[in-house]
C-alpha atoms as a PDB file:
ATOM      1  CA  MET A   1      10.934 -25.540 -53.420  1.00  0.00           C
ATOM      2  CA  ILE A   2       7.650 -26.609 -52.014  1.00  0.00           C
ATOM      3  CA  LYS A   3       9.168 -26.964 -48.500  1.00  0.00           C
ATOM      4  CA  LYS A   4      10.756 -23.508 -48.641  1.00  0.00           C
ATOM      5  CA  ALA A   5       7.531 -21.795 -49.582  1.00  0.00           C
ATOM      6  CA  PHE A   6       5.730 -23.882 -46.827  1.00  0.00           C
ATOM      7  CA  ASN A   7       8.255 -22.724 -44.345  1.00  0.00           C
ATOM      8  CA  ASN A   8       7.994 -18.996 -45.407  1.00  0.00           C
ATOM      9  CA  GLN A   9       4.337 -19.180 -45.115  1.00  0.00           C
ATOM     10  CA  ARG A  10       4.539 -20.643 -41.520  1.00  0.00           C
ATOM     11  CA  LEU A  11       7.098 -18.013 -40.634  1.00  0.00           C
ATOM     12  CA  ARG A  12       4.761 -15.264 -41.890  1.00  0.00           C
ATOM     13  CA  PHE A  13       1.851 -16.671 -39.847  1.00  0.00           C
ATOM     14  CA  PHE A  14       3.910 -17.110 -36.743  1.00  0.00           C
ATOM     15  CA  THR A  15       5.227 -13.498 -37.002  1.00  0.00           C
ATOM     16  CA  LEU A  16       1.744 -12.135 -37.653  1.00  0.00           C
ATOM     17  CA  GLY A  17       0.378 -14.134 -34.675  1.00  0.00           C
ATOM     18  CA  ALA A  18       3.210 -12.823 -32.434  1.00  0.00           C
ATOM     19  CA  PHE A  19       2.409  -9.240 -33.491  1.00  0.00           C
ATOM     20  CA  VAL A  20      -1.260  -9.664 -32.848  1.00  0.00           C
ATOM     21  CA  VAL A  21      -0.624 -11.089 -29.401  1.00  0.00           C
ATOM     22  CA  LEU A  22       1.880  -8.268 -28.446  1.00  0.00           C
ATOM     23  CA  ALA A  23      -0.498  -5.518 -29.760  1.00  0.00           C
ATOM     24  CA  ALA A  24      -3.364  -7.065 -27.605  1.00  0.00           C
ATOM     25  CA  VAL A  25      -1.203  -7.089 -24.543  1.00  0.00           C
ATOM     26  CA  PHE A  26      -0.100  -3.482 -25.009  1.00  0.00           C
ATOM     27  CA  LEU A  27      -3.690  -2.282 -25.687  1.00  0.00           C
ATOM     28  CA  MET A  28      -5.151  -4.118 -22.713  1.00  0.00           C
ATOM     29  CA  GLY A  29      -2.908  -2.371 -20.248  1.00  0.00           C
ATOM     30  CA  MET A  30      -3.243   1.079 -21.668  1.00  0.00           C
ATOM     31  CA  ASP A  31      -6.127   2.226 -19.407  1.00  0.00           C
ATOM     32  CA  ALA A  32      -5.465   0.238 -16.232  1.00  0.00           C
ATOM     33  CA  PRO A  33      -7.504   1.460 -13.223  1.00  0.00           C
ATOM     34  CA  SER A  34      -5.762   2.608 -10.058  1.00  0.00           C
ATOM     35  CA  PRO A  35      -5.797   0.113  -7.245  1.00  0.00           C
ATOM     36  CA  ASN A  36      -8.755   0.090  -4.995  1.00  0.00           C
ATOM     37  CA  TYR A  37      -7.727  -0.129  -1.336  1.00  0.00           C
ATOM     38  CA  GLY A  38     -11.147   0.558   0.130  1.00  0.00           C
ATOM     39  CA  ARG A  39     -12.325   3.470   2.412  1.00  0.00           C
ATOM     40  CA  TYR A  40     -10.815   2.239   5.571  1.00  0.00           C
ATOM     41  CA  GLN A  41      -7.284   1.181   6.225  1.00  0.00           C
ATOM     42  CA  ILE A  42      -5.449   0.046   9.316  1.00  0.00           C
ATOM     43  CA  SER A  43      -2.028   1.006  10.375  1.00  0.00           C
ATOM     44  CA  ALA A  44      -0.128  -0.695  13.256  1.00  0.00           C
ATOM     45  CA  TRP A  45       2.545   0.789  15.406  1.00  0.00           C
ATOM     46  CA  GLY A  46       4.754  -0.008  18.266  1.00  0.00           C
ATOM     47  CA  ASP A  47       7.825   0.711  20.362  1.00  0.00           C
ATOM     48  CA  THR A  48       9.431  -0.616  23.532  1.00  0.00           C
ATOM     49  CA  ALA A  49       6.644   0.833  25.873  1.00  0.00           C
ATOM     50  CA  ALA A  50       3.386   0.717  24.007  1.00  0.00           C
ATOM     51  CA  HIS A  51       1.811  -0.739  20.726  1.00  0.00           C
ATOM     52  CA  GLY A  52      -1.419  -0.347  18.989  1.00  0.00           C
ATOM     53  CA  ALA A  53      -3.358   0.235  15.721  1.00  0.00           C
ATOM     54  CA  PHE A  54      -5.005   3.146  13.956  1.00  0.00           C
ATOM     55  CA  ILE A  55      -7.960   3.121  11.455  1.00  0.00           C
ATOM     56  CA  VAL A  56      -7.911   5.775   8.768  1.00  0.00           C
ATOM     57  CA  ASP A  57     -11.010   6.894   6.933  1.00  0.00           C
ATOM     58  CA  THR A  58      -9.468   7.597   3.452  1.00  0.00           C
ATOM     59  CA  ALA A  59     -12.474   9.711   2.336  1.00  0.00           C
ATOM     60  CA  THR A  60     -12.249  12.225   5.188  1.00  0.00           C
ATOM     61  CA  GLY A  61      -8.679  11.725   6.404  1.00  0.00           C
ATOM     62  CA  GLU A  62      -9.971  11.006  10.038  1.00  0.00           C
ATOM     63  CA  THR A  63      -7.794   8.737  12.083  1.00  0.00           C
ATOM     64  CA  LYS A  64      -9.054   6.810  15.237  1.00  0.00           C
ATOM     65  CA  ILE A  65      -7.311   4.470  17.561  1.00  0.00           C
ATOM     66  CA  ALA A  66      -8.514   0.858  17.264  1.00  0.00           C
ATOM     67  CA  TYR A  67      -6.608  -0.375  20.315  1.00  0.00           C
ATOM     68  CA  ARG A  68      -3.546   0.542  22.368  1.00  0.00           C
ATOM     69  CA  TYR A  69      -1.651  -1.275  24.956  1.00  0.00           C
ATOM     70  CA  LYS A  70       0.968   0.111  27.259  1.00  0.00           C
ATOM     71  CA  GLU A  71       3.554  -1.737  29.425  1.00  0.00           C
ATOM     72  CA  THR A  72       4.683  -0.285  32.638  1.00  0.00           C
ATOM     73  CA  ALA A  73       6.965  -2.187  34.999  1.00  0.00           C
ATOM     74  CA  GLY A  74       6.532  -5.281  33.166  1.00  0.00           C
ATOM     75  CA  GLU A  75       2.739  -5.185  33.239  1.00  0.00           C
ATOM     76  CA  ARG A  76       0.584  -4.778  30.217  1.00  0.00           C
ATOM     77  CA  VAL A  77      -2.218  -2.327  30.656  1.00  0.00           C
ATOM     78  CA  LYS A  78      -4.981  -1.836  28.062  1.00  0.00           C
ATOM     79  CA  GLU A  79      -5.600   1.801  27.500  1.00  0.00           C
ATOM     80  CA  ARG A  80      -8.135   1.586  24.647  1.00  0.00           C
ATOM     81  CA  ASN A  81      -9.882  -1.192  22.885  1.00  0.00           C
ATOM     82  CA  ASN A  82     -12.226  -0.298  20.096  1.00  0.00           C
ATOM     83  CA  LEU A  83     -12.014  -3.471  18.271  1.00  0.00           C
ATOM     84  CA  GLY A  84     -15.440  -4.753  17.094  1.00  0.00           C
ATOM     85  CA  LYS A  85     -16.921  -1.256  16.965  1.00  0.00           C
ATOM     86  CA  ASN A  86     -18.073   0.729  13.976  1.00  0.00           C
ATOM     87  CA  PHE A  87     -15.828   3.609  12.835  1.00  0.00           C
ATOM     88  CA  SER A  88     -18.477   6.107  13.608  1.00  0.00           C
ATOM     89  CA  SER A  89     -18.949   4.861  17.144  1.00  0.00           C
ATOM     90  CA  ILE A  90     -15.191   4.939  18.154  1.00  0.00           C
ATOM     91  CA  GLU A  91     -14.389   7.753  20.521  1.00  0.00           C
END
């Protein structure tokens, strides 16, 4: 009789603890902030004749070319190279 009462009490505490943990997990995720990707994002592109990368200013929507290479007759020609420049100083 004592063992059964002890087991019922342990089961009640376990169930209550599991309920508290589940409630805390659900409540912590209720107001999750949106992911912060930063103001500037980079996007690379390429095909058989050329490749390069863009920088996008997510605040204004302005896009600038970071670098661009073009291959003609097996020779690689650098058309633009703005790597290492600030976004505002890129042409």
